Amino acid sequence: MCFPLGAEAPEFRSDVLETLRQPLELGELVLHRTGGAARYPARFQLVLAANPCPCGMAVGKGLECSCSPTVRRRYLARLSGPLLDRVDVQVEVERVERVDRFEGTSESTADVAARVLAAREAARGRLTDTPWSTNAEMPGRFLRELLRPRRSLFGPIERAMTAGTLSLRGVDRVLRMAWTVADLAGRDAPTKGDVGNALLLRTRGDHG
């Protein structure tokens, strides 16, 4: 499935967006017909972008927004809870002020690429004796067993579940993300800080 470049996800019909749920969850597309079922591999990286409203101005206090509350709700409702629950990283991007364009430093593309390559190699080495080679492939049971000796790491996750900001499906995704954060930092295993960062990336900063 191809989405046009520059198109916001809520601009698509809800039924179209919902077709992404199965391949995101299973890594394959299953077509059922009267004569049987056909399975096709469908592992891909999905990047969705959405404005806060159709006009795109409902940021900060939203004083420049011309959309009614009903229009805003209808727009964002096209991204259903079950669909978003299958998106690993969810980040809200604030408006960039003019002064921000001239301040701060950033890593070069080459430095970032080298760090990502090192992280993938670390994951591949950790999973040598398993059927998997990346953190994204690790199933929930294996993830929890891997971190069983570090039971204290589950505290923030359990609190987020109690607060209702994290689903059971989200727990596995947070654990995978925590391993990725640790790998990118060159650590052998996630720390509480890595789990906290994974929760922030999963819940848009709101994890109870």
Protein backbone atom coordinates (compact mmCIF):
# COMPACT_ATOMS: atom_id res chain seq x y z
CA MET A 1 0.00 0.00 0.00
CA CYS A 2 1.45 3.35 -1.00
CA PHE A 3 0.48 6.66 0.58
CA PRO A 4 1.19 9.85 -1.42
CA LEU A 5 4.11 11.86 -0.10
CA GLY A 6 3.00 14.81 1.97
CA ALA A 7 -0.45 13.41 2.76
CA GLU A 8 -1.57 13.44 6.41
CA ALA A 9 -2.86 10.08 7.64
CA PRO A 10 -6.30 11.39 8.74
CA GLU A 11 -6.96 12.54 5.18
CA PHE A 12 -7.52 8.87 4.25
CA ARG A 13 -10.77 7.07 4.89
CA SER A 14 -10.96 5.15 8.16
CA ASP A 15 -11.63 1.83 6.41
CA VAL A 16 -8.46 2.29 4.36
CA LEU A 17 -6.36 3.02 7.45
CA GLU A 18 -7.82 0.03 9.31
CA THR A 19 -6.45 -2.35 6.67
CA LEU A 20 -3.00 -1.61 8.11
CA ARG A 21 -3.80 -3.28 11.43
CA GLN A 22 -3.23 -6.89 10.38
CA PRO A 23 0.13 -6.46 8.59
CA LEU A 24 1.41 -4.21 11.39
CA GLU A 25 0.50 -6.85 13.97
CA LEU A 26 1.49 -10.03 12.13
CA GLY A 27 4.01 -8.92 9.52
CA GLU A 28 1.91 -10.59 6.85
CA LEU A 29 -1.25 -10.02 4.87
CA VAL A 30 -3.83 -12.82 4.93
CA LEU A 31 -6.53 -12.95 2.25
CA HIS A 32 -9.44 -15.29 2.98
CA ARG A 33 -11.52 -16.68 0.13
CA THR A 34 -14.00 -19.52 -0.15
CA GLY A 35 -11.29 -21.82 -1.52
CA GLY A 36 -8.83 -21.11 1.29
CA ALA A 37 -6.47 -18.41 2.50
CA ALA A 38 -3.38 -16.87 0.92
CA ARG A 39 -0.58 -15.36 3.02
CA TYR A 40 1.81 -12.71 1.77
CA PRO A 41 4.82 -11.29 3.65
CA ALA A 42 4.21 -7.71 4.67
CA ARG A 43 6.99 -6.52 6.98
CA PHE A 44 7.56 -2.82 6.44
CA GLN A 45 8.34 0.41 8.21
CA LEU A 46 5.32 2.67 8.48
CA VAL A 47 5.60 6.39 9.19
CA LEU A 48 2.33 8.25 9.77
CA ALA A 49 2.04 12.01 10.12
CA ALA A 50 -0.99 13.98 11.24
CA ASN A 51 -1.73 17.61 11.89
CA PRO A 52 -3.64 18.45 15.10
CA CYS A 53 -6.60 19.51 12.94
CA PRO A 54 -7.49 19.93 9.23
CA CYS A 55 -6.11 23.48 9.05
CA GLY A 56 -2.98 22.49 10.94
CA MET A 57 -3.00 25.51 13.25
CA ALA A 58 -4.27 23.93 16.49
CA VAL A 59 -0.84 23.97 18.12
CA GLY A 60 -0.02 25.62 21.44
CA LYS A 61 -3.10 27.61 22.43
CA GLY A 62 -4.54 27.10 18.96
CA LEU A 63 -5.61 30.71 18.63
CA GLU A 64 -5.07 30.71 14.87
CA CYS A 65 -7.09 27.52 14.29
CA SER A 66 -10.31 27.95 12.29
CA CYS A 67 -11.63 24.41 12.93
CA SER A 68 -14.55 23.73 15.26
CA PRO A 69 -14.12 21.19 18.10
CA THR A 70 -16.38 18.78 16.19
CA VAL A 71 -14.23 19.02 13.06
CA ARG A 72 -11.07 18.41 15.10
CA ARG A 73 -12.53 15.33 16.78
CA ARG A 74 -13.79 13.91 13.49
CA TYR A 75 -10.41 14.47 11.86
CA LEU A 76 -8.36 12.74 14.57
CA ALA A 77 -10.95 9.98 15.08
CA ARG A 78 -9.89 8.50 11.74
CA LEU A 79 -6.77 7.28 13.54
CA SER A 80 -8.46 4.69 15.72
CA GLY A 81 -7.16 3.46 19.06
CA PRO A 82 -6.54 -0.09 17.76
CA LEU A 83 -4.50 1.30 14.84
CA LEU A 84 -2.40 3.64 17.01
CA ASP A 85 -1.86 0.81 19.48
CA ARG A 86 0.15 -0.93 16.75
CA VAL A 87 2.41 2.09 16.14
CA ASP A 88 5.58 1.70 18.20
CA VAL A 89 6.72 5.32 18.43
CA GLN A 90 4.30 8.21 18.85
CA VAL A 91 5.81 11.68 19.09
CA GLU A 92 4.16 15.09 19.18
CA VAL A 93 6.27 17.68 17.39
CA GLU A 94 6.00 21.25 18.62
CA ARG A 95 6.10 24.23 16.30
CA VAL A 96 9.67 25.28 15.49
CA GLU A 97 10.33 28.89 16.43
CA ARG A 98 12.64 31.04 14.38
CA VAL A 99 15.31 31.15 17.10
CA ASP A 100 15.37 27.34 17.26
CA ARG A 101 16.65 27.19 13.69
CA PHE A 102 19.90 28.87 14.65
CA GLU A 103 20.59 27.30 18.04
CA GLY A 104 21.90 23.90 19.09
CA THR A 105 23.90 21.24 17.33
CA SER A 106 22.97 17.98 15.67
CA GLU A 107 24.72 14.75 14.76
CA SER A 108 25.82 14.15 11.21
CA THR A 109 24.01 11.54 9.14
CA ALA A 110 27.18 9.43 9.07
CA ASP A 111 27.41 9.44 12.89
CA VAL A 112 23.77 8.43 13.27
CA ALA A 113 24.13 5.68 10.65
CA ALA A 114 27.16 4.26 12.46
CA ARG A 115 25.32 4.25 15.78
CA VAL A 116 22.29 2.51 14.26
CA LEU A 117 24.54 -0.10 12.61
CA ALA A 118 26.26 -0.79 15.94
CA ALA A 119 22.87 -1.14 17.67
CA ARG A 120 21.63 -3.61 15.06
CA GLU A 121 24.82 -5.64 15.40
CA ALA A 122 24.36 -5.72 19.18
CA ALA A 123 20.80 -7.00 18.79
CA ARG A 124 21.90 -9.59 16.24
CA GLY A 125 24.62 -10.85 18.58
CA ARG A 126 22.20 -11.09 21.52
CA LEU A 127 19.75 -13.10 19.42
CA THR A 128 22.29 -15.43 17.81
CA ASP A 129 20.75 -18.61 19.22
CA THR A 130 17.15 -17.59 18.47
CA PRO A 131 15.02 -17.49 15.31
CA TRP A 132 15.17 -13.68 15.35
CA SER A 133 17.78 -11.07 14.48
CA THR A 134 16.18 -7.73 15.41
CA ASN A 135 14.43 -6.32 18.47
CA ALA A 136 11.24 -5.82 16.46
CA GLU A 137 10.93 -9.57 15.94
CA MET A 138 11.17 -10.58 19.62
CA PRO A 139 7.82 -11.96 20.87
CA GLY A 140 6.34 -10.79 24.15
CA ARG A 141 7.00 -14.00 26.08
CA PHE A 142 10.69 -13.95 25.14
CA LEU A 143 10.98 -10.26 26.04
CA ARG A 144 9.52 -10.76 29.50
CA GLU A 145 11.66 -13.83 30.15
CA LEU A 146 14.77 -11.96 29.04
CA LEU A 147 14.09 -9.22 31.58
CA ARG A 148 12.82 -11.44 34.41
CA PRO A 149 16.05 -10.96 36.46
CA ARG A 150 15.44 -7.19 36.25
CA ARG A 151 11.90 -7.25 37.58
CA SER A 152 12.16 -3.69 38.92
CA LEU A 153 12.18 -2.40 35.34
CA PHE A 154 8.50 -3.33 35.03
CA GLY A 155 7.42 -0.82 37.71
CA PRO A 156 6.87 2.18 35.39
CA ILE A 157 5.17 -0.06 32.83
CA GLU A 158 2.75 -1.47 35.41
CA ARG A 159 1.92 2.03 36.63
CA ALA A 160 1.21 3.13 33.06
CA MET A 161 -1.11 0.15 32.61
CA THR A 162 -2.92 1.00 35.85
CA ALA A 163 -3.32 4.61 34.68
CA GLY A 164 -4.82 3.38 31.42
CA THR A 165 -2.17 4.96 29.20
CA LEU A 166 -0.64 1.65 28.11
CA SER A 167 -2.34 -1.46 26.77
CA LEU A 168 -1.19 -5.07 27.03
CA ARG A 169 -0.08 -4.87 23.41
CA GLY A 170 1.78 -1.68 24.22
CA VAL A 171 3.80 -3.39 26.96
CA ASP A 172 5.65 -5.57 24.46
CA ARG A 173 6.30 -2.60 22.22
CA VAL A 174 7.72 -0.60 25.13
CA LEU A 175 10.05 -3.46 26.05
CA ARG A 176 11.28 -3.74 22.46
CA MET A 177 11.84 0.00 22.35
CA ALA A 178 13.72 -0.10 25.67
CA TRP A 179 16.11 -2.67 24.23
CA THR A 180 16.62 -0.48 21.16
CA VAL A 181 17.32 2.59 23.32
CA ALA A 182 19.87 0.55 25.29
CA ASP A 183 21.50 -0.79 22.11
CA LEU A 184 21.80 2.72 20.68
CA ALA A 185 23.51 3.81 23.90
CA GLY A 186 25.88 0.85 23.82
CA ARG A 187 24.48 -0.80 26.97
CA ASP A 188 24.19 -4.56 27.46
CA ALA A 189 20.64 -4.32 28.86
CA PRO A 190 17.96 -1.68 29.42
CA THR A 191 18.01 0.52 32.51
CA LYS A 192 15.08 2.21 34.24
CA GLY A 193 15.97 5.31 32.25
CA ASP A 194 15.75 3.35 29.00
CA VAL A 195 12.32 2.03 29.96
CA GLY A 196 11.24 5.56 30.87
CA ASN A 197 12.40 6.88 27.50
CA ALA A 198 10.61 4.03 25.75
CA LEU A 199 7.41 4.90 27.60
CA LEU A 200 7.74 8.56 26.60
CA LEU A 201 8.17 7.56 22.97
CA ARG A 202 5.17 5.25 23.18
CA THR A 203 2.69 7.45 25.08
CA ARG A 204 3.59 10.92 23.74
CA GLY A 205 4.88 11.97 27.15
CA ASP A 206 1.80 10.85 29.11
CA HIS A 207 2.37 7.61 30.99
CA GLY A 208 0.64 8.29 34.27
